[in-house]
Amino acid sequence: MNTPTKTLLVICGPTCCGKTDLAVEQAKKLTTEIVSADSRQFYKEMSIGTAKPTNDELQGIKCHLVDFLSIHQNYTISDYEKDALDKINKIFEKSDTAILCGGSGLFIKAVCEGLDKMPPADENLRKQLAELWEKGKKEKLISMLNELDSTTVKNIDINNPRRVIRALEVSILTGKPFSTFKNKKTTKRDFQVRYLFLNPPRVELYDRINQRVDRMLENGLVKEVENLLPFRHLTPLQTVGYQELFRYFDKEISLVTATEMIKRNTRRYAKRQITWFKKVLAEAPGTPIPLSRSNP
């Protein structure tokens, strides 16, 4: 079997671990470009709260699939797989290496291994479940999913309505746990994959997260969220940094409390990312052991 001549360098890890800096460093060294795998940075209206890389941070390196969607557009992981592969193949026309950089594990997995084979969507059921979420029945939906498929509850971001609703939808329609539909076979790609997993010491990572949240607030996060209040029901806004400040504007909590909750929830999110990447990368094809680097 011939070894692919092109390499996709996947730089992954938890939020705030230094992925962008390392990706830019490697892109300059390899004369290549970056494709983002951060699903929160897709959206034009969400900049401060998603820590999009600035022009200064990118240092002239092209970073694709950032700031290209509106929160009003429907965009699936299948759409991303197609778009990301298209960008990667165009990069391969100019370079032997392309870089995929981000912390959205399922999006990275879709590019490197292909999507799991799932039953088709049921729009009516999905709409009913989405309405329950929007009416504040999140805990009820998570409890329902836990009864049908506790494995999935342990392995997805339960604060992401899209993940919870899709898992419930499949479990209800088929009578089988969503987790049983996970495809163990990978889609053969015509490039090899090399993973670089960044995992700084936990104390250092948490300190960086706290400092980043403070910078976001200094840079105008509260105003950004205020401008998005009319659209708070949209799926892209069901995320850390926005949900807490929506509660502040509802006068449920103070700004100080909202800030501490953002820091706490971001730390928890980072912990889940680390757990997910360790498990998935240990099973990833094409690479024996994911590389690690502390304090990038």
C-alpha atoms as a PDB file:
ATOM      1  CA  MET A   1       0.000   0.000   0.000  1.00  0.00           C
ATOM      2  CA  ASN A   2       1.340   3.407  -0.966  1.00  0.00           C
ATOM      3  CA  THR A   3       1.768   5.918   1.848  1.00  0.00           C
ATOM      4  CA  PRO A   4      -0.072   9.198   1.167  1.00  0.00           C
ATOM      5  CA  THR A   5       2.289  12.023   0.222  1.00  0.00           C
ATOM      6  CA  LYS A   6       0.178  14.720   1.858  1.00  0.00           C
ATOM      7  CA  THR A   7      -0.084  15.286   5.603  1.00  0.00           C
ATOM      8  CA  LEU A   8      -2.833  16.898   7.646  1.00  0.00           C
ATOM      9  CA  LEU A   9      -1.323  18.239  10.871  1.00  0.00           C
ATOM     10  CA  VAL A  10      -4.092  18.380  13.464  1.00  0.00           C
ATOM     11  CA  ILE A  11      -3.369  20.765  16.331  1.00  0.00           C
ATOM     12  CA  CYS A  12      -5.976  20.142  18.995  1.00  0.00           C
ATOM     13  CA  GLY A  13      -6.625  20.474  22.705  1.00  0.00           C
ATOM     14  CA  PRO A  14      -8.743  22.368  25.224  1.00  0.00           C
ATOM     15  CA  THR A  15      -9.742  25.990  24.928  1.00  0.00           C
ATOM     16  CA  CYS A  16      -7.023  28.506  25.768  1.00  0.00           C
ATOM     17  CA  CYS A  17      -4.100  26.048  25.527  1.00  0.00           C
ATOM     18  CA  GLY A  18      -2.193  27.899  22.789  1.00  0.00           C
ATOM     19  CA  LYS A  19      -3.384  26.061  19.673  1.00  0.00           C
ATOM     20  CA  THR A  20      -3.481  29.133  17.431  1.00  0.00           C
ATOM     21  CA  ASP A  21       0.027  30.283  18.347  1.00  0.00           C
ATOM     22  CA  LEU A  22       1.441  26.845  17.586  1.00  0.00           C
ATOM     23  CA  ALA A  23      -0.558  26.543  14.358  1.00  0.00           C
ATOM     24  CA  VAL A  24       0.808  29.878  13.123  1.00  0.00           C
ATOM     25  CA  GLU A  25       4.335  28.845  14.104  1.00  0.00           C
ATOM     26  CA  GLN A  26       3.999  25.576  12.159  1.00  0.00           C
ATOM     27  CA  ALA A  27       2.288  27.221   9.174  1.00  0.00           C
ATOM     28  CA  LYS A  28       5.170  29.667   8.817  1.00  0.00           C
ATOM     29  CA  LYS A  29       7.719  26.873   9.095  1.00  0.00           C
ATOM     30  CA  LEU A  30       5.917  24.627   6.580  1.00  0.00           C
ATOM     31  CA  THR A  31       4.714  27.423   4.243  1.00  0.00           C
ATOM     32  CA  THR A  32       1.104  26.387   4.495  1.00  0.00           C
ATOM     33  CA  GLU A  33      -2.326  27.532   5.690  1.00  0.00           C
ATOM     34  CA  ILE A  34      -4.709  26.771   8.558  1.00  0.00           C
ATOM     35  CA  VAL A  35      -8.276  25.443   8.518  1.00  0.00           C
ATOM     36  CA  SER A  36     -10.197  26.187  11.711  1.00  0.00           C
ATOM     37  CA  ALA A  37     -11.962  23.434  13.634  1.00  0.00           C
ATOM     38  CA  ASP A  38     -13.554  25.741  16.200  1.00  0.00           C
ATOM     39  CA  SER A  39     -17.317  25.600  15.712  1.00  0.00           C
ATOM     40  CA  ARG A  40     -17.912  28.754  17.789  1.00  0.00           C
ATOM     41  CA  GLN A  41     -15.638  30.875  15.607  1.00  0.00           C
ATOM     42  CA  PHE A  42     -17.662  30.195  12.438  1.00  0.00           C
ATOM     43  CA  TYR A  43     -20.131  32.978  13.210  1.00  0.00           C
ATOM     44  CA  LYS A  44     -19.663  36.625  12.223  1.00  0.00           C
ATOM     45  CA  GLU A  45     -21.738  37.982  15.103  1.00  0.00           C
ATOM     46  CA  MET A  46     -19.725  36.154  17.774  1.00  0.00           C
ATOM     47  CA  SER A  47     -16.185  37.487  17.959  1.00  0.00           C
ATOM     48  CA  ILE A  48     -15.151  38.578  21.436  1.00  0.00           C
ATOM     49  CA  GLY A  49     -16.778  35.665  23.257  1.00  0.00           C
ATOM     50  CA  THR A  50     -15.241  33.086  20.925  1.00  0.00           C
ATOM     51  CA  ALA A  51     -11.694  34.517  21.033  1.00  0.00           C
ATOM     52  CA  LYS A  52     -11.297  34.621  17.263  1.00  0.00           C
ATOM     53  CA  PRO A  53      -7.645  34.995  16.208  1.00  0.00           C
ATOM     54  CA  THR A  54      -6.701  38.556  15.330  1.00  0.00           C
ATOM     55  CA  ASN A  55      -4.701  39.615  12.282  1.00  0.00           C
ATOM     56  CA  ASP A  56      -1.752  40.288  14.574  1.00  0.00           C
ATOM     57  CA  GLU A  57      -1.975  36.766  16.005  1.00  0.00           C
ATOM     58  CA  LEU A  58      -2.184  35.187  12.553  1.00  0.00           C
ATOM     59  CA  GLN A  59       0.887  37.106  11.338  1.00  0.00           C
ATOM     60  CA  GLY A  60      -0.240  36.995   7.719  1.00  0.00           C
ATOM     61  CA  ILE A  61      -1.106  33.269   7.739  1.00  0.00           C
ATOM     62  CA  LYS A  62      -4.434  32.404   6.101  1.00  0.00           C
ATOM     63  CA  CYS A  63      -6.973  30.818   8.461  1.00  0.00           C
ATOM     64  CA  HIS A  64     -10.011  29.375   6.691  1.00  0.00           C
ATOM     65  CA  LEU A  65     -13.555  28.788   8.008  1.00  0.00           C
ATOM     66  CA  VAL A  66     -13.530  31.570  10.564  1.00  0.00           C
ATOM     67  CA  ASP A  67     -16.094  34.396  10.531  1.00  0.00           C
ATOM     68  CA  PHE A  68     -17.913  33.103   7.455  1.00  0.00           C
ATOM     69  CA  LEU A  69     -21.423  32.277   8.715  1.00  0.00           C
ATOM     70  CA  SER A  70     -24.337  34.154  10.248  1.00  0.00           C
ATOM     71  CA  ILE A  71     -25.938  32.824  13.416  1.00  0.00           C
ATOM     72  CA  HIS A  72     -29.166  32.751  11.366  1.00  0.00           C
ATOM     73  CA  GLN A  73     -27.771  30.143   8.956  1.00  0.00           C
ATOM     74  CA  ASN A  74     -28.193  26.426   9.485  1.00  0.00           C
ATOM     75  CA  TYR A  75     -24.805  24.707   9.303  1.00  0.00           C
ATOM     76  CA  THR A  76     -24.313  21.038  10.047  1.00  0.00           C
ATOM     77  CA  ILE A  77     -21.261  18.955  10.824  1.00  0.00           C
ATOM     78  CA  SER A  78     -21.781  17.365   7.410  1.00  0.00           C
ATOM     79  CA  ASP A  79     -21.544  20.813   5.809  1.00  0.00           C
ATOM     80  CA  TYR A  80     -18.347  21.419   7.738  1.00  0.00           C
ATOM     81  CA  GLU A  81     -16.799  18.112   6.668  1.00  0.00           C
ATOM     82  CA  LYS A  82     -17.376  19.018   3.013  1.00  0.00           C
ATOM     83  CA  ASP A  83     -16.133  22.610   3.370  1.00  0.00           C
ATOM     84  CA  ALA A  84     -13.071  21.676   5.411  1.00  0.00           C
ATOM     85  CA  LEU A  85     -12.005  18.925   3.016  1.00  0.00           C
ATOM     86  CA  ASP A  86     -12.427  21.330   0.103  1.00  0.00           C
ATOM     87  CA  LYS A  87     -10.149  23.895   1.784  1.00  0.00           C
ATOM     88  CA  ILE A  88      -7.608  21.231   2.753  1.00  0.00           C
ATOM     89  CA  ASN A  89      -7.425  19.857  -0.787  1.00  0.00           C
ATOM     90  CA  LYS A  90      -6.883  23.362  -2.160  1.00  0.00           C
ATOM     91  CA  ILE A  91      -4.029  23.851   0.315  1.00  0.00           C
ATOM     92  CA  PHE A  92      -2.535  20.536  -0.830  1.00  0.00           C
ATOM     93  CA  GLU A  93      -2.308  21.959  -4.343  1.00  0.00           C
ATOM     94  CA  LYS A  94       0.338  24.349  -3.004  1.00  0.00           C
ATOM     95  CA  SER A  95       1.836  22.501  -0.040  1.00  0.00           C
ATOM     96  CA  ASP A  96       2.480  18.954   1.159  1.00  0.00           C
ATOM     97  CA  THR A  97       1.036  19.822   4.574  1.00  0.00           C
ATOM     98  CA  ALA A  98      -2.197  21.476   5.693  1.00  0.00           C
ATOM     99  CA  ILE A  99      -3.030  22.390   9.284  1.00  0.00           C
ATOM    100  CA  LEU A 100      -6.358  21.712  11.001  1.00  0.00           C
ATOM    101  CA  CYS A 101      -6.553  23.625  14.277  1.00  0.00           C
ATOM    102  CA  GLY A 102      -9.262  23.756  16.914  1.00  0.00           C
ATOM    103  CA  GLY A 103     -10.963  22.273  19.926  1.00  0.00           C
ATOM    104  CA  SER A 104     -14.239  21.021  18.431  1.00  0.00           C
ATOM    105  CA  GLY A 105     -13.544  17.315  18.603  1.00  0.00           C
ATOM    106  CA  LEU A 106     -16.452  16.015  16.543  1.00  0.00           C
ATOM    107  CA  PHE A 107     -15.595  18.374  13.698  1.00  0.00           C
ATOM    108  CA  ILE A 108     -11.976  17.200  13.720  1.00  0.00           C
ATOM    109  CA  LYS A 109     -13.128  13.584  13.772  1.00  0.00           C
ATOM    110  CA  ALA A 110     -15.439  14.203  10.802  1.00  0.00           C
ATOM    111  CA  VAL A 111     -12.555  15.535   8.708  1.00  0.00           C
ATOM    112  CA  CYS A 112     -10.044  12.850   9.682  1.00  0.00           C
ATOM    113  CA  GLU A 113     -12.287   9.789   9.888  1.00  0.00           C
ATOM    114  CA  GLY A 114     -15.623  10.619   8.273  1.00  0.00           C
ATOM    115  CA  LEU A 115     -19.028  10.942   9.880  1.00  0.00           C
ATOM    116  CA  ASP A 116     -20.887   8.243  11.767  1.00  0.00           C
ATOM    117  CA  LYS A 117     -23.797   6.689   9.869  1.00  0.00           C
ATOM    118  CA  MET A 118     -26.947   7.973  11.501  1.00  0.00           C
ATOM    119  CA  PRO A 119     -30.689   7.598  10.769  1.00  0.00           C
ATOM    120  CA  PRO A 120     -32.263  10.502   8.850  1.00  0.00           C
ATOM    121  CA  ALA A 121     -33.642  13.445  10.794  1.00  0.00           C
ATOM    122  CA  ASP A 122     -37.287  13.770  11.818  1.00  0.00           C
ATOM    123  CA  GLU A 123     -38.006  17.486  11.582  1.00  0.00           C
ATOM    124  CA  ASN A 124     -41.265  17.351  13.579  1.00  0.00           C
ATOM    125  CA  LEU A 125     -39.721  15.534  16.523  1.00  0.00           C
ATOM    126  CA  ARG A 126     -36.641  17.743  16.396  1.00  0.00           C
ATOM    127  CA  LYS A 127     -38.841  20.853  16.462  1.00  0.00           C
ATOM    128  CA  GLN A 128     -40.762  19.564  19.496  1.00  0.00           C
ATOM    129  CA  LEU A 129     -37.550  18.836  21.396  1.00  0.00           C
ATOM    130  CA  ALA A 130     -36.056  22.204  20.434  1.00  0.00           C
ATOM    131  CA  GLU A 131     -39.171  23.994  21.725  1.00  0.00           C
ATOM    132  CA  LEU A 132     -38.814  22.203  25.062  1.00  0.00           C
ATOM    133  CA  TRP A 133     -35.194  23.344  25.299  1.00  0.00           C
ATOM    134  CA  GLU A 134     -36.145  26.940  24.495  1.00  0.00           C
ATOM    135  CA  LYS A 135     -38.844  26.840  27.191  1.00  0.00           C
ATOM    136  CA  GLY A 136     -36.231  26.046  29.822  1.00  0.00           C
ATOM    137  CA  LYS A 137     -36.763  22.272  29.915  1.00  0.00           C
ATOM    138  CA  LYS A 138     -33.072  21.498  29.401  1.00  0.00           C
ATOM    139  CA  GLU A 139     -32.752  19.354  32.552  1.00  0.00           C
ATOM    140  CA  LYS A 140     -35.833  17.351  31.599  1.00  0.00           C
ATOM    141  CA  LEU A 141     -34.368  16.612  28.147  1.00  0.00           C
ATOM    142  CA  ILE A 142     -31.026  15.580  29.637  1.00  0.00           C
ATOM    143  CA  SER A 143     -32.846  13.310  32.102  1.00  0.00           C
ATOM    144  CA  MET A 144     -34.782  11.734  29.219  1.00  0.00           C
ATOM    145  CA  LEU A 145     -31.571  11.134  27.308  1.00  0.00           C
ATOM    146  CA  ASN A 146     -29.889   9.690  30.388  1.00  0.00           C
ATOM    147  CA  GLU A 147     -32.660   7.109  30.692  1.00  0.00           C
ATOM    148  CA  LEU A 148     -32.349   6.165  27.018  1.00  0.00           C
ATOM    149  CA  ASP A 149     -28.576   6.411  26.645  1.00  0.00           C
ATOM    150  CA  SER A 150     -26.442   7.209  29.690  1.00  0.00           C
ATOM    151  CA  THR A 151     -23.281   6.585  27.642  1.00  0.00           C
ATOM    152  CA  THR A 152     -24.013   9.522  25.367  1.00  0.00           C
ATOM    153  CA  VAL A 153     -24.760  11.824  28.317  1.00  0.00           C
ATOM    154  CA  LYS A 154     -21.280  11.119  29.664  1.00  0.00           C
ATOM    155  CA  ASN A 155     -19.585  11.832  26.344  1.00  0.00           C
ATOM    156  CA  ILE A 156     -21.263  14.900  24.841  1.00  0.00           C
ATOM    157  CA  ASP A 157     -21.492  18.548  25.794  1.00  0.00           C
ATOM    158  CA  ILE A 158     -24.860  18.545  27.562  1.00  0.00           C
ATOM    159  CA  ASN A 159     -24.990  22.341  27.314  1.00  0.00           C
ATOM    160  CA  ASN A 160     -25.118  22.084  23.526  1.00  0.00           C
ATOM    161  CA  PRO A 161     -28.784  21.743  22.479  1.00  0.00           C
ATOM    162  CA  ARG A 162     -27.891  20.458  19.022  1.00  0.00           C
ATOM    163  CA  ARG A 163     -25.995  17.478  20.500  1.00  0.00           C
ATOM    164  CA  VAL A 164     -28.633  16.655  23.127  1.00  0.00           C
ATOM    165  CA  ILE A 165     -31.586  16.992  20.747  1.00  0.00           C
ATOM    166  CA  ARG A 166     -30.016  14.904  17.977  1.00  0.00           C
ATOM    167  CA  ALA A 167     -29.118  12.121  20.424  1.00  0.00           C
ATOM    168  CA  LEU A 168     -32.654  12.135  21.829  1.00  0.00           C
ATOM    169  CA  GLU A 169     -34.179  12.203  18.366  1.00  0.00           C
ATOM    170  CA  VAL A 170     -32.244   9.122  17.214  1.00  0.00           C
ATOM    171  CA  SER A 171     -32.839   7.226  20.465  1.00  0.00           C
ATOM    172  CA  ILE A 172     -36.595   7.893  20.398  1.00  0.00           C
ATOM    173  CA  LEU A 173     -37.073   7.135  16.693  1.00  0.00           C
ATOM    174  CA  THR A 174     -35.099   3.908  16.619  1.00  0.00           C
ATOM    175  CA  GLY A 175     -35.653   2.573  20.107  1.00  0.00           C
ATOM    176  CA  LYS A 176     -31.876   2.097  20.334  1.00  0.00           C
ATOM    177  CA  PRO A 177     -29.303   4.209  22.198  1.00  0.00           C
ATOM    178  CA  PHE A 178     -27.726   6.923  20.064  1.00  0.00           C
ATOM    179  CA  SER A 179     -24.287   5.635  21.092  1.00  0.00           C
ATOM    180  CA  THR A 180     -24.901   2.287  19.344  1.00  0.00           C
ATOM    181  CA  PHE A 181     -24.929   4.036  15.976  1.00  0.00           C
ATOM    182  CA  LYS A 182     -21.338   5.182  16.339  1.00  0.00           C
ATOM    183  CA  ASN A 183     -19.456   4.005  13.269  1.00  0.00           C
ATOM    184  CA  LYS A 184     -16.361   1.999  14.196  1.00  0.00           C
ATOM    185  CA  LYS A 185     -15.077   2.117  10.620  1.00  0.00           C
ATOM    186  CA  THR A 186     -13.216   5.143   9.341  1.00  0.00           C
ATOM    187  CA  THR A 187     -13.436   6.725   5.932  1.00  0.00           C
ATOM    188  CA  LYS A 188     -10.203   6.326   4.020  1.00  0.00           C
ATOM    189  CA  ARG A 189      -8.616   9.691   3.261  1.00  0.00           C
ATOM    190  CA  ASP A 190      -5.942  10.317   0.653  1.00  0.00           C
ATOM    191  CA  PHE A 191      -3.759  12.091   3.213  1.00  0.00           C
ATOM    192  CA  GLN A 192      -2.081  10.939   6.400  1.00  0.00           C
ATOM    193  CA  VAL A 193      -2.975  12.516   9.723  1.00  0.00           C
ATOM    194  CA  ARG A 194      -0.559  13.594  12.429  1.00  0.00           C
ATOM    195  CA  TYR A 195      -1.981  14.783  15.726  1.00  0.00           C
ATOM    196  CA  LEU A 196      -0.420  17.318  18.051  1.00  0.00           C
ATOM    197  CA  PHE A 197      -2.403  17.393  21.280  1.00  0.00           C
ATOM    198  CA  LEU A 198      -1.705  20.330  23.580  1.00  0.00           C
ATOM    199  CA  ASN A 199      -2.381  19.666  27.239  1.00  0.00           C
ATOM    200  CA  PRO A 200      -0.796  22.230  29.572  1.00  0.00           C
ATOM    201  CA  PRO A 201      -0.695  21.592  33.346  1.00  0.00           C
ATOM    202  CA  ARG A 202      -4.199  22.047  34.741  1.00  0.00           C
ATOM    203  CA  VAL A 203      -3.302  24.950  37.054  1.00  0.00           C
ATOM    204  CA  GLU A 204      -1.668  26.827  34.182  1.00  0.00           C
ATOM    205  CA  LEU A 205      -4.596  26.164  31.844  1.00  0.00           C
ATOM    206  CA  TYR A 206      -7.168  27.359  34.363  1.00  0.00           C
ATOM    207  CA  ASP A 207      -5.169  30.522  35.039  1.00  0.00           C
ATOM    208  CA  ARG A 208      -5.037  31.248  31.303  1.00  0.00           C
ATOM    209  CA  ILE A 209      -8.793  30.715  31.029  1.00  0.00           C
ATOM    210  CA  ASN A 210      -9.477  33.144  33.883  1.00  0.00           C
ATOM    211  CA  GLN A 211      -7.223  35.782  32.338  1.00  0.00           C
ATOM    212  CA  ARG A 212      -8.821  35.365  28.910  1.00  0.00           C
ATOM    213  CA  VAL A 213     -12.326  35.877  30.336  1.00  0.00           C
ATOM    214  CA  ASP A 214     -11.141  39.082  32.009  1.00  0.00           C
ATOM    215  CA  ARG A 215      -9.715  40.291  28.672  1.00  0.00           C
ATOM    216  CA  MET A 216     -12.967  39.470  26.884  1.00  0.00           C
ATOM    217  CA  LEU A 217     -14.902  41.639  29.321  1.00  0.00           C
ATOM    218  CA  GLU A 218     -12.380  44.461  28.940  1.00  0.00           C
ATOM    219  CA  ASN A 219     -12.725  44.190  25.151  1.00  0.00           C
ATOM    220  CA  GLY A 220     -16.517  44.581  25.167  1.00  0.00           C
ATOM    221  CA  LEU A 221     -18.072  41.142  25.644  1.00  0.00           C
ATOM    222  CA  VAL A 222     -21.038  42.544  27.585  1.00  0.00           C
ATOM    223  CA  LYS A 223     -21.959  44.863  24.698  1.00  0.00           C
ATOM    224  CA  GLU A 224     -21.535  42.034  22.160  1.00  0.00           C
ATOM    225  CA  VAL A 225     -23.932  39.845  24.124  1.00  0.00           C
ATOM    226  CA  GLU A 226     -26.398  42.711  24.598  1.00  0.00           C
ATOM    227  CA  ASN A 227     -26.579  43.146  20.822  1.00  0.00           C
ATOM    228  CA  LEU A 228     -27.434  39.457  20.481  1.00  0.00           C
ATOM    229  CA  LEU A 229     -30.247  39.401  23.047  1.00  0.00           C
ATOM    230  CA  PRO A 230     -33.018  39.294  20.385  1.00  0.00           C
ATOM    231  CA  PHE A 231     -31.485  36.103  18.980  1.00  0.00           C
ATOM    232  CA  ARG A 232     -30.690  34.315  22.232  1.00  0.00           C
ATOM    233  CA  HIS A 233     -32.855  31.339  21.238  1.00  0.00           C
ATOM    234  CA  LEU A 234     -30.618  30.451  18.287  1.00  0.00           C
ATOM    235  CA  THR A 235     -28.447  27.347  18.623  1.00  0.00           C
ATOM    236  CA  PRO A 236     -25.027  29.060  18.146  1.00  0.00           C
ATOM    237  CA  LEU A 237     -25.737  31.230  21.195  1.00  0.00           C
ATOM    238  CA  GLN A 238     -26.385  28.275  23.514  1.00  0.00           C
ATOM    239  CA  THR A 239     -22.788  28.410  24.622  1.00  0.00           C
ATOM    240  CA  VAL A 240     -20.492  29.469  27.437  1.00  0.00           C
ATOM    241  CA  GLY A 241     -19.881  33.201  27.669  1.00  0.00           C
ATOM    242  CA  TYR A 242     -23.231  34.105  26.168  1.00  0.00           C
ATOM    243  CA  GLN A 243     -25.700  32.117  28.272  1.00  0.00           C
ATOM    244  CA  GLU A 244     -24.323  33.492  31.540  1.00  0.00           C
ATOM    245  CA  LEU A 245     -24.561  37.087  30.338  1.00  0.00           C
ATOM    246  CA  PHE A 246     -28.101  36.542  29.075  1.00  0.00           C
ATOM    247  CA  ARG A 247     -28.953  35.718  32.694  1.00  0.00           C
ATOM    248  CA  TYR A 248     -27.232  38.952  33.771  1.00  0.00           C
ATOM    249  CA  PHE A 249     -29.408  40.944  31.385  1.00  0.00           C
ATOM    250  CA  ASP A 250     -32.452  39.122  32.764  1.00  0.00           C
ATOM    251  CA  LYS A 251     -31.376  40.477  36.187  1.00  0.00           C
ATOM    252  CA  GLU A 252     -31.112  36.940  37.555  1.00  0.00           C
ATOM    253  CA  ILE A 253     -27.444  37.361  38.528  1.00  0.00           C
ATOM    254  CA  SER A 254     -24.907  40.168  38.929  1.00  0.00           C
ATOM    255  CA  LEU A 255     -22.130  40.855  36.453  1.00  0.00           C
ATOM    256  CA  VAL A 256     -19.611  39.625  39.028  1.00  0.00           C
ATOM    257  CA  THR A 257     -21.491  36.345  39.353  1.00  0.00           C
ATOM    258  CA  ALA A 258     -21.854  36.025  35.578  1.00  0.00           C
ATOM    259  CA  THR A 259     -18.107  36.528  35.194  1.00  0.00           C
ATOM    260  CA  GLU A 260     -17.288  33.840  37.736  1.00  0.00           C
ATOM    261  CA  MET A 261     -19.776  31.483  36.084  1.00  0.00           C
ATOM    262  CA  ILE A 262     -18.173  32.036  32.666  1.00  0.00           C
ATOM    263  CA  LYS A 263     -14.766  31.192  34.124  1.00  0.00           C
ATOM    264  CA  ARG A 264     -16.099  28.135  35.936  1.00  0.00           C
ATOM    265  CA  ASN A 265     -18.068  26.825  32.947  1.00  0.00           C
ATOM    266  CA  THR A 266     -15.135  27.406  30.590  1.00  0.00           C
ATOM    267  CA  ARG A 267     -12.868  25.434  32.931  1.00  0.00           C
ATOM    268  CA  ARG A 268     -15.403  22.615  32.985  1.00  0.00           C
ATOM    269  CA  TYR A 269     -15.649  22.702  29.200  1.00  0.00           C
ATOM    270  CA  ALA A 270     -11.857  22.496  28.922  1.00  0.00           C
ATOM    271  CA  LYS A 271     -11.834  19.472  31.234  1.00  0.00           C
ATOM    272  CA  ARG A 272     -14.411  17.708  29.036  1.00  0.00           C
ATOM    273  CA  GLN A 273     -12.373  18.518  25.936  1.00  0.00           C
ATOM    274  CA  ILE A 274      -9.244  16.987  27.471  1.00  0.00           C
ATOM    275  CA  THR A 275     -11.120  13.810  28.399  1.00  0.00           C
ATOM    276  CA  TRP A 276     -12.634  13.529  24.924  1.00  0.00           C
ATOM    277  CA  PHE A 277      -9.381  14.089  23.047  1.00  0.00           C
ATOM    278  CA  LYS A 278      -7.451  11.624  25.199  1.00  0.00           C
ATOM    279  CA  LYS A 279     -10.001   8.902  24.512  1.00  0.00           C
ATOM    280  CA  VAL A 280     -10.465   9.568  20.794  1.00  0.00           C
ATOM    281  CA  LEU A 281      -6.818  10.167  19.943  1.00  0.00           C
ATOM    282  CA  ALA A 282      -5.816   6.956  21.690  1.00  0.00           C
ATOM    283  CA  GLU A 283      -8.019   5.149  19.155  1.00  0.00           C
ATOM    284  CA  ALA A 284      -7.221   7.356  16.150  1.00  0.00           C
ATOM    285  CA  PRO A 285      -5.984   5.581  13.018  1.00  0.00           C
ATOM    286  CA  GLY A 286      -2.726   6.422  11.346  1.00  0.00           C
ATOM    287  CA  THR A 287      -0.816   7.615  14.394  1.00  0.00           C
ATOM    288  CA  PRO A 288       0.505   5.505  17.278  1.00  0.00           C
ATOM    289  CA  ILE A 289       0.373   7.999  20.155  1.00  0.00           C
ATOM    290  CA  PRO A 290      -0.733  11.636  19.997  1.00  0.00           C
ATOM    291  CA  LEU A 291       2.077  14.067  20.698  1.00  0.00           C
ATOM    292  CA  SER A 292       1.842  16.273  23.772  1.00  0.00           C
ATOM    293  CA  ARG A 293       3.289  19.632  24.548  1.00  0.00           C
ATOM    294  CA  SER A 294       2.985  21.597  27.757  1.00  0.00           C
ATOM    295  CA  ASN A 295       3.125  25.354  28.007  1.00  0.00           C
ATOM    296  CA  PRO A 296       3.111  26.085  24.228  1.00  0.00           C
END
